[in-house]
Amino acid sequence: MRHERTAIQAGLAEGRAAPGTSTLVNRNVTIGRRRTSLRLEPAMWDALEEICRREEMSQHELCAMIDERRRASSRTAAIRVFIVNYFRAAATEAGHAGIGHGALYKTRARARTRTGGPQTGGPRTGGRARGAPGLRRYESDPV
């Protein structure tokens, strides 16, 4: 039986680093005519690039927009929160089902079956599906 790597397994493995090393990647962006460096995980840089491609913006423009709207958090924290909120708003229940999400619950249930642990709960099925409103929604959201 061939073992296929799920998106969750790939995501968990991607965050591993050797002890004493950092997985953060340092890049420069220009915000308000000033060059500044940001340290983000490779997956966050990939997500930021994808958002820029979808919204037809440069990383500098997007980071400047996020920075203008942030409140008390650090710049990198504001960018991480923006990325998560952007993709959460774009996610729909149908989209998740279509690509096989829910594997984490199934993996946890199999582990409980093997160990004899309780099998309670289940994947969330309630709630309404959300559309992908694009960048406009985040223009007014303070971070």
Protein backbone atom coordinates (compact mmCIF):
# COMPACT_ATOMS: atom_id res chain seq x y z
CA MET A 1 0.00 0.00 0.00
CA ARG A 2 1.50 3.29 -1.09
CA HIS A 3 1.45 6.02 1.54
CA GLU A 4 0.40 9.40 0.20
CA ARG A 5 1.47 12.47 2.09
CA THR A 6 -1.49 14.65 3.08
CA ALA A 7 -1.46 18.44 3.09
CA ILE A 8 -1.48 18.37 6.89
CA GLN A 9 1.52 16.05 7.08
CA ALA A 10 3.39 18.22 4.59
CA GLY A 11 2.59 21.34 6.61
CA LEU A 12 3.73 19.76 9.87
CA ALA A 13 6.97 18.49 8.36
CA GLU A 14 7.75 21.84 6.74
CA GLY A 15 8.03 23.60 10.09
CA ARG A 16 10.79 21.34 11.42
CA ALA A 17 14.29 22.70 11.81
CA ALA A 18 17.50 21.44 13.32
CA PRO A 19 17.89 22.36 17.00
CA GLY A 20 19.43 25.80 17.40
CA THR A 21 18.54 26.95 13.89
CA SER A 22 15.77 29.21 12.68
CA THR A 23 13.32 28.49 9.90
CA LEU A 24 12.67 32.23 9.44
CA VAL A 25 13.68 33.89 6.19
CA ASN A 26 14.78 37.54 6.22
CA ARG A 27 13.69 39.73 3.27
CA ASN A 28 13.62 43.46 2.64
CA VAL A 29 10.47 45.36 1.76
CA THR A 30 9.88 49.06 1.25
CA ILE A 31 7.18 50.54 3.44
CA GLY A 32 6.52 54.26 3.26
CA ARG A 33 9.75 55.02 1.34
CA ARG A 34 11.79 53.17 3.95
CA ARG A 35 13.42 49.81 3.47
CA THR A 36 12.82 47.43 6.34
CA SER A 37 13.47 43.75 6.88
CA LEU A 38 10.85 41.16 7.75
CA ARG A 39 11.49 37.70 9.16
CA LEU A 40 8.80 35.22 8.20
CA GLU A 41 8.56 31.48 7.73
CA PRO A 42 8.99 30.24 4.13
CA ALA A 43 5.31 29.21 4.03
CA MET A 44 4.31 32.76 5.02
CA TRP A 45 6.47 34.25 2.26
CA ASP A 46 4.86 31.82 -0.21
CA ALA A 47 1.39 32.81 0.99
CA LEU A 48 2.23 36.51 0.79
CA GLU A 49 3.48 36.05 -2.80
CA GLU A 50 0.28 34.20 -3.71
CA ILE A 51 -1.89 36.97 -2.27
CA CYS A 52 0.12 39.56 -4.20
CA ARG A 53 -0.32 37.58 -7.41
CA ARG A 54 -4.08 37.21 -6.87
CA GLU A 55 -4.58 40.86 -5.94
CA GLU A 56 -2.13 42.18 -8.56
CA MET A 57 -0.01 44.04 -6.01
CA SER A 58 3.67 44.04 -5.17
CA GLN A 59 4.84 42.75 -1.81
CA HIS A 60 5.86 46.31 -0.98
CA GLU A 61 2.35 47.64 -1.67
CA LEU A 62 0.65 44.89 0.29
CA CYS A 63 3.00 45.17 3.28
CA ALA A 64 2.56 48.96 3.28
CA MET A 65 -1.23 48.58 3.27
CA ILE A 66 -1.09 46.11 6.16
CA ASP A 67 1.35 48.34 8.06
CA GLU A 68 -0.90 51.40 7.68
CA ARG A 69 -3.78 49.54 9.29
CA ARG A 70 -2.01 47.75 12.12
CA ARG A 71 -2.52 48.93 15.66
CA ALA A 72 -0.66 47.45 18.60
CA SER A 73 0.90 44.35 17.04
CA SER A 74 4.33 44.08 15.47
CA ARG A 75 4.65 44.40 11.70
CA THR A 76 5.41 40.70 11.19
CA ALA A 77 2.54 39.65 13.47
CA ALA A 78 0.17 41.91 11.52
CA ILE A 79 1.31 40.31 8.25
CA ARG A 80 0.84 36.78 9.62
CA VAL A 81 -2.66 37.65 10.89
CA PHE A 82 -3.54 39.22 7.54
CA ILE A 83 -2.41 36.09 5.66
CA VAL A 84 -4.45 33.79 7.89
CA ASN A 85 -7.55 36.01 7.65
CA TYR A 86 -7.21 36.32 3.86
CA PHE A 87 -7.17 32.57 3.30
CA ARG A 88 -9.82 31.88 5.94
CA ALA A 89 -12.17 34.26 4.14
CA ALA A 90 -11.37 32.56 0.83
CA ALA A 91 -12.00 29.06 2.19
CA THR A 92 -15.38 27.44 1.69
CA GLU A 93 -16.76 24.19 3.06
CA ALA A 94 -17.17 22.84 -0.48
CA GLY A 95 -13.58 23.71 -1.32
CA HIS A 96 -12.26 21.94 1.75
CA ALA A 97 -14.32 18.83 1.05
CA GLY A 98 -13.21 18.81 -2.59
CA ILE A 99 -9.51 18.57 -1.74
CA GLY A 100 -9.89 16.14 1.13
CA HIS A 101 -9.50 18.34 4.16
CA GLY A 102 -10.63 16.78 7.37
CA ALA A 103 -7.74 14.32 7.29
CA LEU A 104 -6.52 15.58 10.66
CA TYR A 105 -9.73 14.41 12.33
CA LYS A 106 -9.52 11.04 10.58
CA THR A 107 -5.89 10.60 11.66
CA ARG A 108 -6.75 11.50 15.26
CA ALA A 109 -9.69 9.05 15.25
CA ARG A 110 -7.48 6.23 13.93
CA ALA A 111 -4.91 6.95 16.65
CA ARG A 112 -7.61 6.82 19.33
CA THR A 113 -8.90 3.53 17.95
CA ARG A 114 -5.41 2.02 18.14
CA THR A 115 -4.78 3.28 21.68
CA GLY A 116 -8.28 2.59 22.97
CA GLY A 117 -8.85 6.26 23.79
CA PRO A 118 -12.22 7.98 23.72
CA GLN A 119 -13.69 8.75 20.32
CA THR A 120 -15.62 11.89 20.92
CA GLY A 121 -16.33 14.89 18.77
CA GLY A 122 -15.97 15.08 15.06
CA PRO A 123 -15.30 17.47 12.25
CA ARG A 124 -17.28 20.65 12.33
CA THR A 125 -20.15 20.55 9.93
CA GLY A 126 -22.07 23.59 11.10
CA GLY A 127 -21.58 27.15 10.02
CA ARG A 128 -22.05 28.72 6.69
CA ALA A 129 -19.68 28.70 3.79
CA ARG A 130 -17.91 31.94 3.15
CA GLY A 131 -17.06 33.39 -0.22
CA ALA A 132 -13.74 34.97 -1.13
CA PRO A 133 -14.31 38.71 -0.77
CA GLY A 134 -10.81 39.56 -1.90
CA LEU A 135 -8.64 42.24 -0.44
CA ARG A 136 -11.37 44.84 0.14
CA ARG A 137 -12.51 43.20 3.38
CA TYR A 138 -9.09 43.68 4.95
CA GLU A 139 -8.67 47.32 4.04
CA SER A 140 -10.76 48.33 7.04
CA ASP A 141 -9.76 45.57 9.45
CA PRO A 142 -7.24 46.81 12.03
CA VAL A 143 -4.59 44.28 12.99
